[in-house]
Protein backbone atom coordinates (compact mmCIF):
# COMPACT_ATOMS: atom_id res chain seq x y z
CA MET A 1 -19.54 -0.28 -3.36
CA GLN A 2 -20.27 -0.29 0.34
CA ASN A 3 -21.00 2.98 2.15
CA THR A 4 -19.41 3.06 5.59
CA ALA A 5 -20.95 6.19 7.06
CA SER A 6 -24.24 8.07 7.07
CA GLY A 7 -24.43 11.05 4.73
CA GLU A 8 -22.13 9.31 2.24
CA THR A 9 -19.01 10.79 3.86
CA MET A 10 -16.90 7.74 2.96
CA THR A 11 -17.40 4.84 0.57
CA PHE A 12 -15.50 1.55 0.84
CA VAL A 13 -14.78 -0.32 -2.41
CA PRO A 14 -13.47 -3.84 -1.64
CA ALA A 15 -10.69 -5.25 -3.80
CA GLY A 16 -11.96 -6.82 -7.02
CA THR A 17 -15.47 -5.36 -6.89
CA SER A 18 -15.07 -2.51 -9.39
CA THR A 19 -13.57 -3.82 -12.64
CA LEU A 20 -14.07 -3.38 -16.37
CA ALA A 21 -11.85 -5.47 -18.67
CA PRO A 22 -8.97 -4.99 -19.20
CA TRP A 23 -8.89 -2.80 -16.06
CA THR A 24 -8.55 -4.56 -12.70
CA LEU A 25 -9.83 -1.39 -11.02
CA TRP A 26 -12.22 0.97 -12.75
CA ILE A 27 -13.35 4.09 -10.89
CA THR A 28 -14.64 7.00 -12.93
CA PRO A 29 -16.41 10.18 -11.84
CA GLU A 30 -19.66 8.49 -12.87
CA THR A 31 -19.13 5.31 -10.85
CA ALA A 32 -17.94 7.35 -7.86
CA GLY A 33 -20.96 9.64 -8.06
CA TRP A 34 -19.02 12.89 -8.39
CA SER A 35 -17.51 15.12 -11.11
CA TYR A 36 -13.72 14.93 -11.48
CA ALA A 37 -11.50 12.27 -9.87
CA GLY A 38 -10.93 8.71 -11.10
CA LEU A 39 -8.50 5.81 -10.81
CA ARG A 40 -7.75 2.76 -12.96
CA LEU A 41 -5.42 -0.20 -12.46
CA LEU A 42 -3.96 -2.42 -15.15
CA THR A 43 -2.10 -5.73 -14.80
CA LEU A 44 0.08 -6.76 -17.76
CA SER A 45 2.13 -9.85 -18.52
CA ASP A 46 4.35 -8.94 -21.50
CA GLU A 47 1.34 -7.64 -23.43
CA SER A 48 -0.16 -4.40 -24.76
CA VAL A 49 -3.35 -2.47 -24.07
CA LEU A 50 -4.67 0.29 -26.34
CA PHE A 51 -7.10 2.92 -25.01
CA CYS A 52 -8.16 6.59 -25.29
CA THR A 53 -8.00 9.17 -22.52
CA GLY A 54 -11.20 10.93 -23.62
CA ASP A 55 -11.94 13.99 -21.47
CA GLU A 56 -9.56 12.94 -18.67
CA GLU A 57 -5.92 13.75 -18.06
CA MET A 58 -4.03 10.76 -16.65
CA LEU A 59 -0.80 9.56 -15.11
CA VAL A 60 0.87 6.19 -15.68
CA LEU A 61 2.40 5.11 -12.35
CA PRO A 62 4.12 1.71 -12.07
CA LEU A 63 3.21 -0.03 -8.81
CA SER A 64 5.42 -2.97 -9.76
CA GLY A 65 7.25 -3.80 -12.98
CA SER A 66 8.07 -1.58 -15.96
CA CYS A 67 6.41 -0.56 -19.22
CA GLN A 68 6.63 1.33 -22.51
CA VAL A 69 4.18 4.19 -23.11
CA GLU A 70 3.25 5.33 -26.63
CA CYS A 71 1.10 8.46 -26.84
CA ASP A 72 0.66 11.09 -29.57
CA GLY A 73 3.81 9.95 -31.37
CA VAL A 74 5.91 10.04 -28.18
CA ARG A 75 7.54 6.92 -26.71
CA LEU A 76 8.51 6.77 -23.05
CA ALA A 77 10.18 3.95 -21.13
CA LEU A 78 9.16 3.71 -17.46
CA ALA A 79 11.75 1.83 -15.40
CA GLY A 80 9.23 1.31 -12.59
CA ARG A 81 10.10 -0.58 -9.40
CA VAL A 82 9.85 -3.92 -7.63
CA SER A 83 6.96 -2.77 -5.40
CA VAL A 84 5.51 0.35 -3.81
CA PHE A 85 7.48 -0.44 -0.63
CA HIS A 86 10.88 -0.64 -2.37
CA ALA A 87 11.40 2.65 -4.22
CA VAL A 88 9.98 5.81 -5.72
CA SER A 89 8.93 5.28 -9.35
CA ASP A 90 9.15 7.35 -12.49
CA PHE A 91 5.84 8.08 -14.21
CA ALA A 92 4.23 9.58 -17.33
CA TYR A 93 1.57 12.22 -17.99
CA LEU A 94 -1.14 11.60 -20.63
CA PRO A 95 -3.24 14.49 -21.96
CA VAL A 96 -6.94 14.61 -22.77
CA GLY A 97 -8.03 13.35 -26.18
CA ALA A 98 -5.03 11.04 -26.65
CA THR A 99 -4.68 7.48 -27.94
CA VAL A 100 -2.34 5.45 -25.75
CA ARG A 101 -0.62 2.07 -25.93
CA ILE A 102 0.90 0.53 -22.79
CA THR A 103 3.22 -2.46 -23.17
CA GLY A 104 4.97 -4.23 -20.32
CA ALA A 105 4.82 -6.55 -17.35
CA GLY A 106 3.59 -5.54 -13.91
CA ARG A 107 0.83 -3.55 -12.26
CA PHE A 108 0.17 0.05 -13.17
CA ALA A 109 -2.05 2.76 -11.67
CA PHE A 110 -3.72 5.46 -13.75
CA PRO A 111 -4.87 8.40 -11.60
CA THR A 112 -7.28 10.52 -13.66
CA ALA A 113 -9.14 13.83 -13.54
CA ARG A 114 -11.71 15.31 -15.88
CA ALA A 115 -9.87 18.25 -17.45
CA SER A 116 -10.41 21.14 -19.85
CA ARG A 117 -6.78 22.06 -20.63
CA SER A 118 -4.37 19.86 -22.56
CA PHE A 119 -0.70 19.52 -21.63
CA PRO A 120 1.89 17.61 -23.69
CA VAL A 121 2.92 14.04 -22.97
CA ARG A 122 5.63 14.24 -20.29
CA TYR A 123 8.04 12.03 -18.40
CA GLY A 124 8.44 12.36 -14.62
CA PRO A 125 11.86 11.06 -13.47
CA ALA A 126 11.97 9.25 -10.13
CA ARG A 127 14.98 11.36 -9.07
CA GLU A 128 12.85 14.53 -9.26
CA VAL A 129 9.99 13.24 -7.09
CA PRO A 130 9.94 15.21 -3.80
CA VAL A 131 9.99 12.90 -0.77
CA GLU A 132 8.80 14.28 2.56
CA ALA A 133 9.28 12.57 5.90
CA ARG A 134 5.99 12.42 7.79
CA GLY A 135 6.61 11.02 11.26
CA THR A 136 8.28 7.67 10.69
CA GLY A 137 6.63 7.36 7.28
CA ARG A 138 6.97 9.35 4.06
CA ILE A 139 5.05 11.08 1.29
CA ASN A 140 6.15 10.77 -2.34
CA GLY A 141 4.75 13.96 -3.84
CA PHE A 142 5.23 12.96 -7.47
CA CYS A 143 2.18 14.91 -8.67
CA ALA A 144 1.70 17.43 -5.89
CA PRO A 145 0.57 20.88 -7.11
CA ASP A 146 4.03 22.43 -6.65
CA ALA A 147 5.88 19.45 -8.14
CA PHE A 148 4.17 18.61 -11.44
CA GLU A 149 1.76 20.78 -13.43
CA CYS A 150 -1.64 19.37 -14.41
CA ASP A 151 -5.01 20.92 -15.13
CA ARG A 152 -6.95 19.49 -12.15
CA LEU A 153 -5.16 16.28 -11.14
CA VAL A 154 -3.23 15.87 -7.87
CA ALA A 155 -1.70 12.55 -6.75
CA VAL A 156 0.73 11.51 -4.00
CA GLU A 157 1.88 8.27 -2.35
CA VAL A 158 1.89 7.78 1.42
CA LEU A 159 3.80 5.00 3.18
CA THR A 160 2.89 4.27 6.80
CA PRO A 161 5.19 1.95 8.80
CA ALA A 162 3.77 -0.94 10.82
CA GLY A 163 2.00 0.21 13.97
CA ASP A 164 2.09 3.89 12.99
CA ARG A 165 -0.31 6.33 11.37
CA SER A 166 0.06 9.04 8.75
CA PRO A 167 -0.72 11.83 8.10
CA ARG A 168 -1.61 13.54 11.34
CA PRO A 169 -3.40 15.61 12.55
CA PRO A 170 -6.65 15.42 10.53
CA TYR A 171 -6.85 17.99 7.74
CA GLU A 172 -9.41 19.35 5.26
CA HIS A 173 -8.73 19.40 1.49
CA GLY A 174 -11.72 21.59 0.68
CA MET A 175 -11.46 24.47 3.13
CA LEU A 176 -11.11 27.19 0.47
CA PRO A 177 -13.68 27.92 -2.28
CA GLY A 178 -12.92 25.82 -5.35
CA ALA A 179 -10.32 23.72 -3.52
CA VAL A 180 -9.76 20.04 -4.15
CA ARG A 181 -12.61 18.02 -2.67
CA GLU A 182 -12.92 14.58 -4.32
CA GLN A 183 -10.43 12.09 -2.86
CA ILE A 184 -9.56 8.49 -3.73
CA TYR A 185 -7.38 6.25 -1.53
CA TYR A 186 -6.01 3.01 -3.00
CA PHE A 187 -4.26 0.70 -0.51
CA GLU A 188 -1.56 -1.96 -0.61
CA GLY A 189 -0.08 -3.91 2.29
CA GLY A 190 -1.93 -3.82 5.55
CA PRO A 191 -4.27 -4.62 7.10
CA GLY A 192 -4.86 -1.15 8.43
CA TYR A 193 -7.59 1.41 9.02
CA GLN A 194 -8.77 4.57 7.29
CA ARG A 195 -10.57 7.21 9.35
CA LEU A 196 -12.59 10.23 8.33
CA HIS A 197 -13.76 13.16 10.44
CA ASP A 198 -16.89 14.94 9.19
CA ALA A 199 -20.25 15.57 10.88
CA GLU A 200 -19.55 12.22 12.51
CA GLU A 201 -16.47 10.01 12.51
CA ALA A 202 -16.22 7.03 10.16
CA MET A 203 -13.65 4.23 10.02
CA THR A 204 -13.11 1.22 7.80
CA GLU A 205 -10.54 -1.60 7.74
CA VAL A 206 -8.45 -1.73 4.56
CA SER A 207 -5.92 -4.07 2.95
CA SER A 208 -4.30 -4.65 -0.47
CA GLY A 209 -6.51 -3.66 -3.39
CA ASP A 210 -9.15 -1.86 -1.32
CA VAL A 211 -10.27 1.67 -2.19
CA VAL A 212 -11.88 4.40 -0.10
CA LEU A 213 -13.75 7.30 -1.73
CA VAL A 214 -14.09 10.59 0.18
CA PRO A 215 -16.29 13.25 -1.46
CA HIS A 216 -15.87 15.77 1.38
CA GLY A 217 -14.86 16.03 5.01
CA CYS A 218 -11.70 16.05 7.06
CA HIS A 219 -9.26 13.30 6.13
CA SER A 220 -7.83 11.60 9.22
CA PRO A 221 -4.85 9.28 9.66
CA SER A 222 -4.39 6.00 7.85
CA GLU A 223 -3.33 3.54 10.53
CA ALA A 224 -1.12 0.50 9.88
CA ALA A 225 -1.68 -2.55 12.07
CA PRO A 226 1.33 -3.71 14.14
CA GLY A 227 3.60 -5.86 11.98
CA TYR A 228 2.14 -4.64 8.64
CA ASP A 229 3.33 -1.68 6.57
CA LEU A 230 0.58 0.22 4.74
CA TYR A 231 0.70 2.13 1.43
CA HIS A 232 -1.89 4.32 -0.16
CA LEU A 233 -2.08 6.20 -3.44
CA ASN A 234 -4.06 9.41 -2.91
CA VAL A 235 -5.81 10.86 -5.98
CA LEU A 236 -7.49 14.27 -5.68
CA ALA A 237 -9.38 16.51 -8.09
CA GLY A 238 -11.91 19.31 -8.01
CA PRO A 239 -13.16 22.33 -9.93
CA ALA A 240 -10.07 24.46 -9.21
CA ARG A 241 -7.05 24.33 -11.52
């Protein structure tokens, strides 16, 4: 992991540099150096992977392709999508302390948060995902706090059209006591740029597979280079439920 600003206000994780088989991306609270938020990626080719959630609640979010999810005696079929730029996807919620089998073909993201409460396995239909226009781009609030109940996990998708930036203006996730503070940004498409406003401004160039970790500070716009659409999956977690 490469720190891009003094005071550890933003950490850049280049594509392919944080893996642990079978995961093509492996970010835990321990590897990030904080307490709650994590993100995993899994690439499958008509195969299965068995794992345990441990002390983390998780989502299964198809980035491309489709899969079957088996968890605590429940079977869910995720229809998925062609790519993050083509459609909103359905998704699944996995509770703490569960054994899970994922079978399918495609690429799948697993936003995670260390949790103390256990919710049942649940299916999130694509048709119920709130979509918000943000400038010329959009936010898919599939696991926003008012859209899908979790213990500590929050996750949304942001699509920024070529040559534009989103969201704007800069905003702070941790302004209130106990508010969400730990933030993960996973990118596809690009190239583009991620900015951060804190005691001093930081910026890093990003493209497909790159990750930016933000432990605190004021998140500023993701900027898509002219001619290149940019996507990011935003995972947030903190001490507040």
